[in-house]
């Protein structure tokens, strides 16, 4: 069985395959943070973080590698319900200084 990370790598290469389609088949728990490599980020311009605050260890590892590779990092707050549920991790990410761009609507921003 392939890993979630391998599946994501393949999904990135298959441009016609939607990310949502990939995520539906992804198994949890997520890949361990130590399986991420600098090679995973080579040639990338953005790391987009969305719907993943439950896996903070992996997110922090990805951000560190992205920054080492000169990759910008964006965070999508997802929904005001997600912000309510995961307010502290969202704030931690935003206050870390590693998020270059944050997507939020009025409701999500108000919840912070």
PDB file of N, CA and C in Angstrom:
ATOM      1  N   UNK A   1       0.851  -1.172   0.000  1.00  0.00           N
ATOM      2  CA  UNK A   1       0.000   0.000   0.000  1.00  0.00           C
ATOM      3  C   UNK A   1       0.898   1.237   0.000  1.00  0.00           C
ATOM      4  N   UNK A   2       0.590   2.197  -0.875  1.00  0.00           N
ATOM      5  CA  UNK A   2       1.353   3.436  -0.932  1.00  0.00           C
ATOM      6  C   UNK A   2       1.015   4.329   0.246  1.00  0.00           C
ATOM      7  N   UNK A   3       1.905   5.221   0.529  1.00  0.00           N
ATOM      8  CA  UNK A   3       1.676   6.145   1.637  1.00  0.00           C
ATOM      9  C   UNK A   3       0.859   7.343   1.174  1.00  0.00           C
ATOM     10  N   UNK A   4       0.323   8.078   2.124  1.00  0.00           N
ATOM     11  CA  UNK A   4      -0.433   9.287   1.814  1.00  0.00           C
ATOM     12  C   UNK A   4       0.463  10.275   1.087  1.00  0.00           C
ATOM     13  N   UNK A   5       1.702  10.401   1.540  1.00  0.00           N
ATOM     14  CA  UNK A   5       2.632  11.336   0.923  1.00  0.00           C
ATOM     15  C   UNK A   5       2.941  10.936  -0.514  1.00  0.00           C
ATOM     16  N   UNK A   6       3.143   9.648  -0.770  1.00  0.00           N
ATOM     17  CA  UNK A   6       3.370   9.188  -2.138  1.00  0.00           C
ATOM     18  C   UNK A   6       2.165   9.500  -3.015  1.00  0.00           C
ATOM     19  N   UNK A   7       0.982   9.295  -2.471  1.00  0.00           N
ATOM     20  CA  UNK A   7      -0.238   9.600  -3.217  1.00  0.00           C
ATOM     21  C   UNK A   7      -0.325  11.064  -3.567  1.00  0.00           C
ATOM     22  N   UNK A   8       0.057  11.907  -2.636  1.00  0.00           N
ATOM     23  CA  UNK A   8       0.031  13.348  -2.885  1.00  0.00           C
ATOM     24  C   UNK A   8       1.047  13.720  -3.955  1.00  0.00           C
ATOM     25  N   UNK A   9       2.233  13.125  -3.874  1.00  0.00           N
ATOM     26  CA  UNK A   9       3.255  13.396  -4.896  1.00  0.00           C
ATOM     27  C   UNK A   9       2.721  13.032  -6.278  1.00  0.00           C
ATOM     28  N   UNK A  10       2.074  11.872  -6.379  1.00  0.00           N
ATOM     29  CA  UNK A  10       1.518  11.453  -7.662  1.00  0.00           C
ATOM     30  C   UNK A  10       0.402  12.379  -8.109  1.00  0.00           C
ATOM     31  N   UNK A  11      -0.430  12.808  -7.175  1.00  0.00           N
ATOM     32  CA  UNK A  11      -1.537  13.705  -7.514  1.00  0.00           C
ATOM     33  C   UNK A  11      -1.008  15.029  -8.049  1.00  0.00           C
ATOM     34  N   UNK A  12       0.093  15.508  -7.499  1.00  0.00           N
ATOM     35  CA  UNK A  12       0.681  16.753  -7.988  1.00  0.00           C
ATOM     36  C   UNK A  12       1.155  16.607  -9.425  1.00  0.00           C
ATOM     37  N   UNK A  13       1.636  15.427  -9.767  1.00  0.00           N
ATOM     38  CA  UNK A  13       2.136  15.193 -11.119  1.00  0.00           C
ATOM     39  C   UNK A  13       0.994  15.030 -12.120  1.00  0.00           C
ATOM     40  N   UNK A  14      -0.143  14.575 -11.660  1.00  0.00           N
ATOM     41  CA  UNK A  14      -1.298  14.376 -12.536  1.00  0.00           C
ATOM     42  C   UNK A  14      -2.180  15.611 -12.442  1.00  0.00           C
ATOM     43  N   UNK A  15      -1.905  16.593 -13.258  1.00  0.00           N
ATOM     44  CA  UNK A  15      -2.583  17.883 -13.119  1.00  0.00           C
ATOM     45  C   UNK A  15      -4.085  17.794 -13.307  1.00  0.00           C
ATOM     46  N   UNK A  16      -4.568  16.785 -13.999  1.00  0.00           N
ATOM     47  CA  UNK A  16      -6.004  16.669 -14.191  1.00  0.00           C
ATOM     48  C   UNK A  16      -6.708  16.076 -12.969  1.00  0.00           C
ATOM     49  N   UNK A  17      -5.960  15.586 -12.010  1.00  0.00           N
ATOM     50  CA  UNK A  17      -6.562  14.969 -10.828  1.00  0.00           C
ATOM     51  C   UNK A  17      -6.768  16.019  -9.742  1.00  0.00           C
ATOM     52  N   UNK A  18      -7.989  16.211  -9.319  1.00  0.00           N
ATOM     53  CA  UNK A  18      -8.312  17.230  -8.316  1.00  0.00           C
ATOM     54  C   UNK A  18      -7.782  16.824  -6.944  1.00  0.00           C
ATOM     55  N   UNK A  19      -7.334  17.812  -6.183  1.00  0.00           N
ATOM     56  CA  UNK A  19      -6.838  17.552  -4.832  1.00  0.00           C
ATOM     57  C   UNK A  19      -7.922  16.937  -3.965  1.00  0.00           C
ATOM     58  N   UNK A  20      -9.165  17.409  -4.105  1.00  0.00           N
ATOM     59  CA  UNK A  20     -10.263  16.863  -3.300  1.00  0.00           C
ATOM     60  C   UNK A  20     -10.429  15.369  -3.564  1.00  0.00           C
ATOM     61  N   UNK A  21     -10.274  14.977  -4.806  1.00  0.00           N
ATOM     62  CA  UNK A  21     -10.373  13.556  -5.157  1.00  0.00           C
ATOM     63  C   UNK A  21      -9.267  12.760  -4.469  1.00  0.00           C
ATOM     64  N   UNK A  22      -8.060  13.330  -4.445  1.00  0.00           N
ATOM     65  CA  UNK A  22      -6.960  12.664  -3.759  1.00  0.00           C
ATOM     66  C   UNK A  22      -7.234  12.540  -2.265  1.00  0.00           C
ATOM     67  N   UNK A  23      -7.665  13.640  -1.631  1.00  0.00           N
ATOM     68  CA  UNK A  23      -7.879  13.633  -0.185  1.00  0.00           C
ATOM     69  C   UNK A  23      -8.957  12.651   0.235  1.00  0.00           C
ATOM     70  N   UNK A  24      -9.955  12.420  -0.614  1.00  0.00           N
ATOM     71  CA  UNK A  24     -11.012  11.477  -0.262  1.00  0.00           C
ATOM     72  C   UNK A  24     -10.453  10.079  -0.061  1.00  0.00           C
ATOM     73  N   UNK A  25      -9.404   9.756  -0.785  1.00  0.00           N
ATOM     74  CA  UNK A  25      -8.849   8.409  -0.673  1.00  0.00           C
ATOM     75  C   UNK A  25      -7.673   8.329   0.295  1.00  0.00           C
ATOM     76  N   UNK A  26      -7.285   9.462   0.874  1.00  0.00           N
ATOM     77  CA  UNK A  26      -6.146   9.478   1.794  1.00  0.00           C
ATOM     78  C   UNK A  26      -6.518   8.812   3.112  1.00  0.00           C
ATOM     79  N   UNK A  27      -5.607   8.011   3.603  1.00  0.00           N
ATOM     80  CA  UNK A  27      -5.828   7.323   4.864  1.00  0.00           C
ATOM     81  C   UNK A  27      -5.236   8.139   5.998  1.00  0.00           C
ATOM     82  N   UNK A  28      -5.857   8.089   7.140  1.00  0.00           N
ATOM     83  CA  UNK A  28      -5.334   8.742   8.338  1.00  0.00           C
ATOM     84  C   UNK A  28      -4.859   7.662   9.295  1.00  0.00           C
ATOM     85  N   UNK A  29      -3.933   7.865  10.180  1.00  0.00           N
ATOM     86  CA  UNK A  29      -3.302   9.145  10.452  1.00  0.00           C
ATOM     87  C   UNK A  29      -2.382   9.565   9.320  1.00  0.00           C
ATOM     88  N   UNK A  30      -2.033  10.816   9.306  1.00  0.00           N
ATOM     89  CA  UNK A  30      -1.204  11.384   8.254  1.00  0.00           C
ATOM     90  C   UNK A  30       0.211  10.824   8.335  1.00  0.00           C
ATOM     91  N   UNK A  31       0.947  11.088   7.277  1.00  0.00           N
ATOM     92  CA  UNK A  31       2.334  10.650   7.219  1.00  0.00           C
ATOM     93  C   UNK A  31       3.141  11.280   8.352  1.00  0.00           C
ATOM     94  N   UNK A  32       4.097  10.552   8.874  1.00  0.00           N
ATOM     95  CA  UNK A  32       4.971  11.143   9.890  1.00  0.00           C
ATOM     96  C   UNK A  32       5.757  12.310   9.293  1.00  0.00           C
ATOM     97  N   UNK A  33       6.005  13.306  10.112  1.00  0.00           N
ATOM     98  CA  UNK A  33       6.710  14.498   9.650  1.00  0.00           C
ATOM     99  C   UNK A  33       8.100  14.166   9.113  1.00  0.00           C
ATOM    100  N   UNK A  34       8.720  13.125   9.635  1.00  0.00           N
ATOM    101  CA  UNK A  34      10.086  12.804   9.211  1.00  0.00           C
ATOM    102  C   UNK A  34      10.150  12.199   7.813  1.00  0.00           C
ATOM    103  N   UNK A  35       9.004  11.956   7.177  1.00  0.00           N
ATOM    104  CA  UNK A  35       9.017  11.437   5.811  1.00  0.00           C
ATOM    105  C   UNK A  35       9.056  12.547   4.768  1.00  0.00           C
ATOM    106  N   UNK A  36       8.883  13.794   5.183  1.00  0.00           N
ATOM    107  CA  UNK A  36       8.989  14.906   4.252  1.00  0.00           C
ATOM    108  C   UNK A  36      10.457  15.161   3.948  1.00  0.00           C
ATOM    109  N   UNK A  37      10.745  15.484   2.694  1.00  0.00           N
ATOM    110  CA  UNK A  37      12.122  15.778   2.309  1.00  0.00           C
ATOM    111  C   UNK A  37      12.183  17.098   1.544  1.00  0.00           C
ATOM    112  N   UNK A  38      13.366  17.661   1.469  1.00  0.00           N
ATOM    113  CA  UNK A  38      13.560  18.891   0.689  1.00  0.00           C
ATOM    114  C   UNK A  38      13.221  18.653  -0.773  1.00  0.00           C
ATOM    115  N   UNK A  39      13.454  17.444  -1.228  1.00  0.00           N
ATOM    116  CA  UNK A  39      13.153  17.100  -2.624  1.00  0.00           C
ATOM    117  C   UNK A  39      11.662  17.273  -2.933  1.00  0.00           C
ATOM    118  N   UNK A  40      10.807  17.051  -1.940  1.00  0.00           N
ATOM    119  CA  UNK A  40       9.363  17.214  -2.127  1.00  0.00           C
ATOM    120  C   UNK A  40       8.989  18.652  -2.481  1.00  0.00           C
ATOM    121  N   UNK A  41       9.841  19.600  -2.148  1.00  0.00           N
ATOM    122  CA  UNK A  41       9.533  21.016  -2.334  1.00  0.00           C
ATOM    123  C   UNK A  41      10.318  21.664  -3.474  1.00  0.00           C
ATOM    124  N   UNK A  42      11.255  20.927  -4.057  1.00  0.00           N
ATOM    125  CA  UNK A  42      12.078  21.473  -5.141  1.00  0.00           C
ATOM    126  C   UNK A  42      11.181  21.940  -6.281  1.00  0.00           C
ATOM    127  N   UNK A  43      11.428  23.158  -6.736  1.00  0.00           N
ATOM    128  CA  UNK A  43      10.684  23.706  -7.866  1.00  0.00           C
ATOM    129  C   UNK A  43       9.325  24.278  -7.511  1.00  0.00           C
ATOM    130  N   UNK A  44       8.921  24.147  -6.261  1.00  0.00           N
ATOM    131  CA  UNK A  44       7.621  24.677  -5.836  1.00  0.00           C
ATOM    132  C   UNK A  44       7.748  26.155  -5.502  1.00  0.00           C
ATOM    133  N   UNK A  45       6.652  26.870  -5.684  1.00  0.00           N
ATOM    134  CA  UNK A  45       6.624  28.284  -5.312  1.00  0.00           C
ATOM    135  C   UNK A  45       5.809  28.509  -4.052  1.00  0.00           C
ATOM    136  N   UNK A  46       4.806  27.663  -3.818  1.00  0.00           N
ATOM    137  CA  UNK A  46       3.911  27.833  -2.664  1.00  0.00           C
ATOM    138  C   UNK A  46       3.644  26.501  -1.983  1.00  0.00           C
ATOM    139  N   UNK A  47       3.585  26.546  -0.668  1.00  0.00           N
ATOM    140  CA  UNK A  47       3.033  25.470   0.152  1.00  0.00           C
ATOM    141  C   UNK A  47       1.688  25.994   0.634  1.00  0.00           C
ATOM    142  N   UNK A  48       0.619  25.305   0.286  1.00  0.00           N
ATOM    143  CA  UNK A  48      -0.730  25.731   0.654  1.00  0.00           C
ATOM    144  C   UNK A  48      -1.233  24.823   1.765  1.00  0.00           C
ATOM    145  N   UNK A  49      -1.516  25.411   2.929  1.00  0.00           N
ATOM    146  CA  UNK A  49      -2.010  24.654   4.079  1.00  0.00           C
ATOM    147  C   UNK A  49      -3.502  24.899   4.185  1.00  0.00           C
ATOM    148  N   UNK A  50      -4.258  23.795   4.176  1.00  0.00           N
ATOM    149  CA  UNK A  50      -5.711  23.901   4.235  1.00  0.00           C
ATOM    150  C   UNK A  50      -6.271  22.658   4.901  1.00  0.00           C
ATOM    151  N   UNK A  51      -7.233  22.840   5.777  1.00  0.00           N
ATOM    152  CA  UNK A  51      -7.929  21.738   6.448  1.00  0.00           C
ATOM    153  C   UNK A  51      -6.986  20.789   7.162  1.00  0.00           C
ATOM    154  N   UNK A  52      -5.838  21.242   7.587  1.00  0.00           N
ATOM    155  CA  UNK A  52      -4.890  20.310   8.159  1.00  0.00           C
ATOM    156  C   UNK A  52      -4.393  20.625   9.541  1.00  0.00           C
ATOM    157  N   UNK A  53      -5.090  21.478  10.274  1.00  0.00           N
ATOM    158  CA  UNK A  53      -4.543  21.869  11.567  1.00  0.00           C
ATOM    159  C   UNK A  53      -4.513  20.728  12.564  1.00  0.00           C
ATOM    160  N   UNK A  54      -5.173  19.618  12.257  1.00  0.00           N
ATOM    161  CA  UNK A  54      -5.147  18.474  13.165  1.00  0.00           C
ATOM    162  C   UNK A  54      -3.790  17.776  13.129  1.00  0.00           C
ATOM    163  N   UNK A  55      -2.972  18.063  12.130  1.00  0.00           N
ATOM    164  CA  UNK A  55      -1.687  17.389  11.961  1.00  0.00           C
ATOM    165  C   UNK A  55      -0.541  18.405  12.067  1.00  0.00           C
ATOM    166  N   UNK A  56      -0.499  19.101  13.186  1.00  0.00           N
ATOM    167  CA  UNK A  56       0.453  20.201  13.360  1.00  0.00           C
ATOM    168  C   UNK A  56       1.912  19.788  13.208  1.00  0.00           C
ATOM    169  N   UNK A  57       2.264  18.606  13.659  1.00  0.00           N
ATOM    170  CA  UNK A  57       3.656  18.165  13.541  1.00  0.00           C
ATOM    171  C   UNK A  57       4.086  18.137  12.076  1.00  0.00           C
ATOM    172  N   UNK A  58       3.227  17.617  11.214  1.00  0.00           N
ATOM    173  CA  UNK A  58       3.534  17.543   9.784  1.00  0.00           C
ATOM    174  C   UNK A  58       3.559  18.945   9.181  1.00  0.00           C
ATOM    175  N   UNK A  59       2.612  19.788   9.581  1.00  0.00           N
ATOM    176  CA  UNK A  59       2.561  21.157   9.063  1.00  0.00           C
ATOM    177  C   UNK A  59       3.831  21.921   9.432  1.00  0.00           C
ATOM    178  N   UNK A  60       4.253  21.828  10.680  1.00  0.00           N
ATOM    179  CA  UNK A  60       5.472  22.534  11.103  1.00  0.00           C
ATOM    180  C   UNK A  60       6.695  22.028  10.342  1.00  0.00           C
ATOM    181  N   UNK A  61       6.789  20.724  10.153  1.00  0.00           N
ATOM    182  CA  UNK A  61       7.911  20.159   9.398  1.00  0.00           C
ATOM    183  C   UNK A  61       7.882  20.643   7.948  1.00  0.00           C
ATOM    184  N   UNK A  62       6.698  20.671   7.360  1.00  0.00           N
ATOM    185  CA  UNK A  62       6.564  21.133   5.974  1.00  0.00           C
ATOM    186  C   UNK A  62       6.946  22.605   5.846  1.00  0.00           C
ATOM    187  N   UNK A  63       6.533  23.414   6.805  1.00  0.00           N
ATOM    188  CA  UNK A  63       6.867  24.845   6.772  1.00  0.00           C
ATOM    189  C   UNK A  63       8.374  25.050   6.872  1.00  0.00           C
ATOM    190  N   UNK A  64       9.028  24.321   7.755  1.00  0.00           N
ATOM    191  CA  UNK A  64      10.483  24.456   7.917  1.00  0.00           C
ATOM    192  C   UNK A  64      11.190  24.138   6.607  1.00  0.00           C
ATOM    193  N   UNK A  65      10.817  23.031   5.990  1.00  0.00           N
ATOM    194  CA  UNK A  65      11.459  22.641   4.734  1.00  0.00           C
ATOM    195  C   UNK A  65      11.119  23.638   3.630  1.00  0.00           C
ATOM    196  N   UNK A  66       9.865  24.068   3.572  1.00  0.00           N
ATOM    197  CA  UNK A  66       9.456  25.037   2.551  1.00  0.00           C
ATOM    198  C   UNK A  66      10.299  26.304   2.650  1.00  0.00           C
ATOM    199  N   UNK A  67      10.477  26.800   3.860  1.00  0.00           N
ATOM    200  CA  UNK A  67      11.260  28.023   4.053  1.00  0.00           C
ATOM    201  C   UNK A  67      12.724  27.806   3.670  1.00  0.00           C
ATOM    202  N   UNK A  68      13.270  26.623   3.964  1.00  0.00           N
ATOM    203  CA  UNK A  68      14.646  26.311   3.573  1.00  0.00           C
ATOM    204  C   UNK A  68      14.803  26.324   2.054  1.00  0.00           C
ATOM    205  N   UNK A  69      13.735  25.956   1.359  1.00  0.00           N
ATOM    206  CA  UNK A  69      13.752  25.897  -0.100  1.00  0.00           C
ATOM    207  C   UNK A  69      13.280  27.193  -0.753  1.00  0.00           C
ATOM    208  N   UNK A  70      12.979  28.214   0.048  1.00  0.00           N
ATOM    209  CA  UNK A  70      12.519  29.479  -0.510  1.00  0.00           C
ATOM    210  C   UNK A  70      11.083  29.447  -1.001  1.00  0.00           C
ATOM    211  N   UNK A  71      10.301  28.525  -0.472  1.00  0.00           N
ATOM    212  CA  UNK A  71       8.899  28.366  -0.863  1.00  0.00           C
ATOM    213  C   UNK A  71       8.025  29.219   0.055  1.00  0.00           C
ATOM    214  N   UNK A  72       7.117  29.990  -0.528  1.00  0.00           N
ATOM    215  CA  UNK A  72       6.168  30.783   0.258  1.00  0.00           C
ATOM    216  C   UNK A  72       5.101  29.867   0.840  1.00  0.00           C
ATOM    217  N   UNK A  73       4.521  30.279   1.971  1.00  0.00           N
ATOM    218  CA  UNK A  73       3.533  29.452   2.673  1.00  0.00           C
ATOM    219  C   UNK A  73       2.229  30.228   2.816  1.00  0.00           C
ATOM    220  N   UNK A  74       1.125  29.587   2.408  1.00  0.00           N
ATOM    221  CA  UNK A  74      -0.193  30.198   2.607  1.00  0.00           C
ATOM    222  C   UNK A  74      -1.028  29.305   3.516  1.00  0.00           C
ATOM    223  N   UNK A  75      -1.938  29.944   4.231  1.00  0.00           N
ATOM    224  CA  UNK A  75      -2.842  29.241   5.142  1.00  0.00           C
ATOM    225  C   UNK A  75      -4.264  29.648   4.807  1.00  0.00           C
ATOM    226  N   UNK A  76      -5.105  28.661   4.551  1.00  0.00           N
ATOM    227  CA  UNK A  76      -6.528  28.897   4.307  1.00  0.00           C
ATOM    228  C   UNK A  76      -7.259  28.549   5.596  1.00  0.00           C
ATOM    229  N   UNK A  77      -7.954  29.512   6.173  1.00  0.00           N
ATOM    230  CA  UNK A  77      -8.637  29.265   7.447  1.00  0.00           C
ATOM    231  C   UNK A  77      -9.835  28.333   7.317  1.00  0.00           C
ATOM    232  N   UNK A  78     -10.211  27.961   6.115  1.00  0.00           N
ATOM    233  CA  UNK A  78     -11.176  26.893   5.840  1.00  0.00           C
ATOM    234  C   UNK A  78     -12.628  27.284   6.070  1.00  0.00           C
ATOM    235  N   UNK A  79     -13.007  27.557   7.282  1.00  0.00           N
ATOM    236  CA  UNK A  79     -14.388  27.931   7.608  1.00  0.00           C
ATOM    237  C   UNK A  79     -14.401  28.467   9.032  1.00  0.00           C
ATOM    238  N   UNK A  80     -15.434  29.228   9.367  1.00  0.00           N
ATOM    239  CA  UNK A  80     -15.470  29.768  10.730  1.00  0.00           C
ATOM    240  C   UNK A  80     -15.618  28.653  11.749  1.00  0.00           C
ATOM    241  N   UNK A  81     -16.247  27.531  11.352  1.00  0.00           N
ATOM    242  CA  UNK A  81     -16.351  26.394  12.267  1.00  0.00           C
ATOM    243  C   UNK A  81     -14.972  25.804  12.565  1.00  0.00           C
ATOM    244  N   UNK A  82     -14.127  25.719  11.526  1.00  0.00           N
ATOM    245  CA  UNK A  82     -12.764  25.218  11.726  1.00  0.00           C
ATOM    246  C   UNK A  82     -11.979  26.171  12.634  1.00  0.00           C
ATOM    247  N   UNK A  83     -12.175  27.472  12.446  1.00  0.00           N
ATOM    248  CA  UNK A  83     -11.476  28.448  13.282  1.00  0.00           C
ATOM    249  C   UNK A  83     -11.943  28.333  14.728  1.00  0.00           C
ATOM    250  N   UNK A  84     -13.248  28.131  14.935  1.00  0.00           N
ATOM    251  CA  UNK A  84     -13.765  27.944  16.299  1.00  0.00           C
ATOM    252  C   UNK A  84     -13.120  26.731  16.953  1.00  0.00           C
ATOM    253  N   UNK A  85     -13.061  25.642  16.204  1.00  0.00           N
ATOM    254  CA  UNK A  85     -12.572  24.377  16.748  1.00  0.00           C
ATOM    255  C   UNK A  85     -11.049  24.378  16.956  1.00  0.00           C
ATOM    256  N   UNK A  86     -10.326  25.034  16.057  1.00  0.00           N
ATOM    257  CA  UNK A  86      -8.858  24.984  16.082  1.00  0.00           C
ATOM    258  C   UNK A  86      -8.243  26.384  16.186  1.00  0.00           C
ATOM    259  N   UNK A  87      -8.877  27.248  16.949  1.00  0.00           N
ATOM    260  CA  UNK A  87      -8.424  28.639  17.066  1.00  0.00           C
ATOM    261  C   UNK A  87      -6.964  28.730  17.520  1.00  0.00           C
ATOM    262  N   UNK A  88      -6.620  28.019  18.555  1.00  0.00           N
ATOM    263  CA  UNK A  88      -5.265  28.089  19.092  1.00  0.00           C
ATOM    264  C   UNK A  88      -4.204  27.664  18.072  1.00  0.00           C
ATOM    265  N   UNK A  89      -4.357  26.515  17.396  1.00  0.00           N
ATOM    266  CA  UNK A  89      -3.357  26.151  16.382  1.00  0.00           C
ATOM    267  C   UNK A  89      -3.282  27.150  15.225  1.00  0.00           C
ATOM    268  N   UNK A  90      -4.438  27.680  14.807  1.00  0.00           N
ATOM    269  CA  UNK A  90      -4.413  28.691  13.744  1.00  0.00           C
ATOM    270  C   UNK A  90      -3.619  29.916  14.197  1.00  0.00           C
ATOM    271  N   UNK A  91      -3.896  30.390  15.412  1.00  0.00           N
ATOM    272  CA  UNK A  91      -3.175  31.557  15.926  1.00  0.00           C
ATOM    273  C   UNK A  91      -1.682  31.277  16.050  1.00  0.00           C
ATOM    274  N   UNK A  92      -1.352  30.081  16.507  1.00  0.00           N
ATOM    275  CA  UNK A  92       0.055  29.699  16.634  1.00  0.00           C
ATOM    276  C   UNK A  92       0.753  29.786  15.276  1.00  0.00           C
ATOM    277  N   UNK A  93       0.101  29.264  14.239  1.00  0.00           N
ATOM    278  CA  UNK A  93       0.694  29.322  12.903  1.00  0.00           C
ATOM    279  C   UNK A  93       0.833  30.764  12.419  1.00  0.00           C
ATOM    280  N   UNK A  94      -0.223  31.550  12.600  1.00  0.00           N
ATOM    281  CA  UNK A  94      -0.197  32.939  12.130  1.00  0.00           C
ATOM    282  C   UNK A  94       0.830  33.781  12.880  1.00  0.00           C
ATOM    283  N   UNK A  95       0.955  33.563  14.179  1.00  0.00           N
ATOM    284  CA  UNK A  95       1.889  34.348  14.990  1.00  0.00           C
ATOM    285  C   UNK A  95       3.339  33.883  14.848  1.00  0.00           C
ATOM    286  N   UNK A  96       3.541  32.729  14.231  1.00  0.00           N
ATOM    287  CA  UNK A  96       4.898  32.201  14.069  1.00  0.00           C
ATOM    288  C   UNK A  96       5.730  33.031  13.090  1.00  0.00           C
ATOM    289  N   UNK A  97       5.064  33.798  12.243  1.00  0.00           N
ATOM    290  CA  UNK A  97       5.778  34.579  11.238  1.00  0.00           C
ATOM    291  C   UNK A  97       6.121  33.802   9.992  1.00  0.00           C
ATOM    292  N   UNK A  98       5.740  32.522   9.926  1.00  0.00           N
ATOM    293  CA  UNK A  98       6.070  31.719   8.752  1.00  0.00           C
ATOM    294  C   UNK A  98       4.994  31.692   7.687  1.00  0.00           C
ATOM    295  N   UNK A  99       3.849  32.286   7.962  1.00  0.00           N
ATOM    296  CA  UNK A  99       2.756  32.310   6.984  1.00  0.00           C
ATOM    297  C   UNK A  99       2.878  33.598   6.174  1.00  0.00           C
ATOM    298  N   UNK A 100       3.043  33.441   4.861  1.00  0.00           N
ATOM    299  CA  UNK A 100       3.201  34.596   3.980  1.00  0.00           C
ATOM    300  C   UNK A 100       1.868  35.165   3.510  1.00  0.00           C
ATOM    301  N   UNK A 101       0.848  34.323   3.433  1.00  0.00           N
ATOM    302  CA  UNK A 101      -0.458  34.741   2.937  1.00  0.00           C
ATOM    303  C   UNK A 101      -1.530  33.939   3.653  1.00  0.00           C
ATOM    304  N   UNK A 102      -2.544  34.615   4.165  1.00  0.00           N
ATOM    305  CA  UNK A 102      -3.646  33.938   4.856  1.00  0.00           C
ATOM    306  C   UNK A 102      -4.948  34.258   4.137  1.00  0.00           C
ATOM    307  N   UNK A 103      -5.701  33.208   3.806  1.00  0.00           N
ATOM    308  CA  UNK A 103      -7.014  33.363   3.193  1.00  0.00           C
ATOM    309  C   UNK A 103      -8.070  33.270   4.287  1.00  0.00           C
ATOM    310  N   UNK A 104      -8.916  34.292   4.384  1.00  0.00           N
ATOM    311  CA  UNK A 104      -9.977  34.294   5.396  1.00  0.00           C
ATOM    312  C   UNK A 104     -11.117  35.171   4.911  1.00  0.00           C
ATOM    313  N   UNK A 105     -12.341  34.724   5.178  1.00  0.00           N
ATOM    314  CA  UNK A 105     -13.474  35.608   4.922  1.00  0.00           C
ATOM    315  C   UNK A 105     -13.776  36.365   6.218  1.00  0.00           C
ATOM    316  N   UNK A 106     -14.787  37.220   6.190  1.00  0.00           N
ATOM    317  CA  UNK A 106     -15.107  38.037   7.372  1.00  0.00           C
ATOM    318  C   UNK A 106     -15.420  37.191   8.598  1.00  0.00           C
ATOM    319  N   UNK A 107     -16.206  36.117   8.411  1.00  0.00           N
ATOM    320  CA  UNK A 107     -16.581  35.260   9.542  1.00  0.00           C
ATOM    321  C   UNK A 107     -15.359  34.589  10.170  1.00  0.00           C
ATOM    322  N   UNK A 108     -14.464  34.085   9.320  1.00  0.00           N
ATOM    323  CA  UNK A 108     -13.264  33.415   9.825  1.00  0.00           C
ATOM    324  C   UNK A 108     -12.355  34.397  10.560  1.00  0.00           C
ATOM    325  N   UNK A 109     -12.182  35.573   9.992  1.00  0.00           N
ATOM    326  CA  UNK A 109     -11.335  36.585  10.629  1.00  0.00           C
ATOM    327  C   UNK A 109     -11.924  37.030  11.963  1.00  0.00           C
ATOM    328  N   UNK A 110     -13.249  37.153  12.030  1.00  0.00           N
ATOM    329  CA  UNK A 110     -13.911  37.551  13.271  1.00  0.00           C
ATOM    330  C   UNK A 110     -13.706  36.503  14.361  1.00  0.00           C
ATOM    331  N   UNK A 111     -13.721  35.229  13.997  1.00  0.00           N
ATOM    332  CA  UNK A 111     -13.542  34.143  14.971  1.00  0.00           C
ATOM    333  C   UNK A 111     -12.157  34.151  15.601  1.00  0.00           C
ATOM    334  N   UNK A 112     -11.173  34.673  14.893  1.00  0.00           N
ATOM    335  CA  UNK A 112      -9.819  34.730  15.456  1.00  0.00           C
ATOM    336  C   UNK A 112      -9.758  35.753  16.567  1.00  0.00           C
TER     337      UNK A 112
END
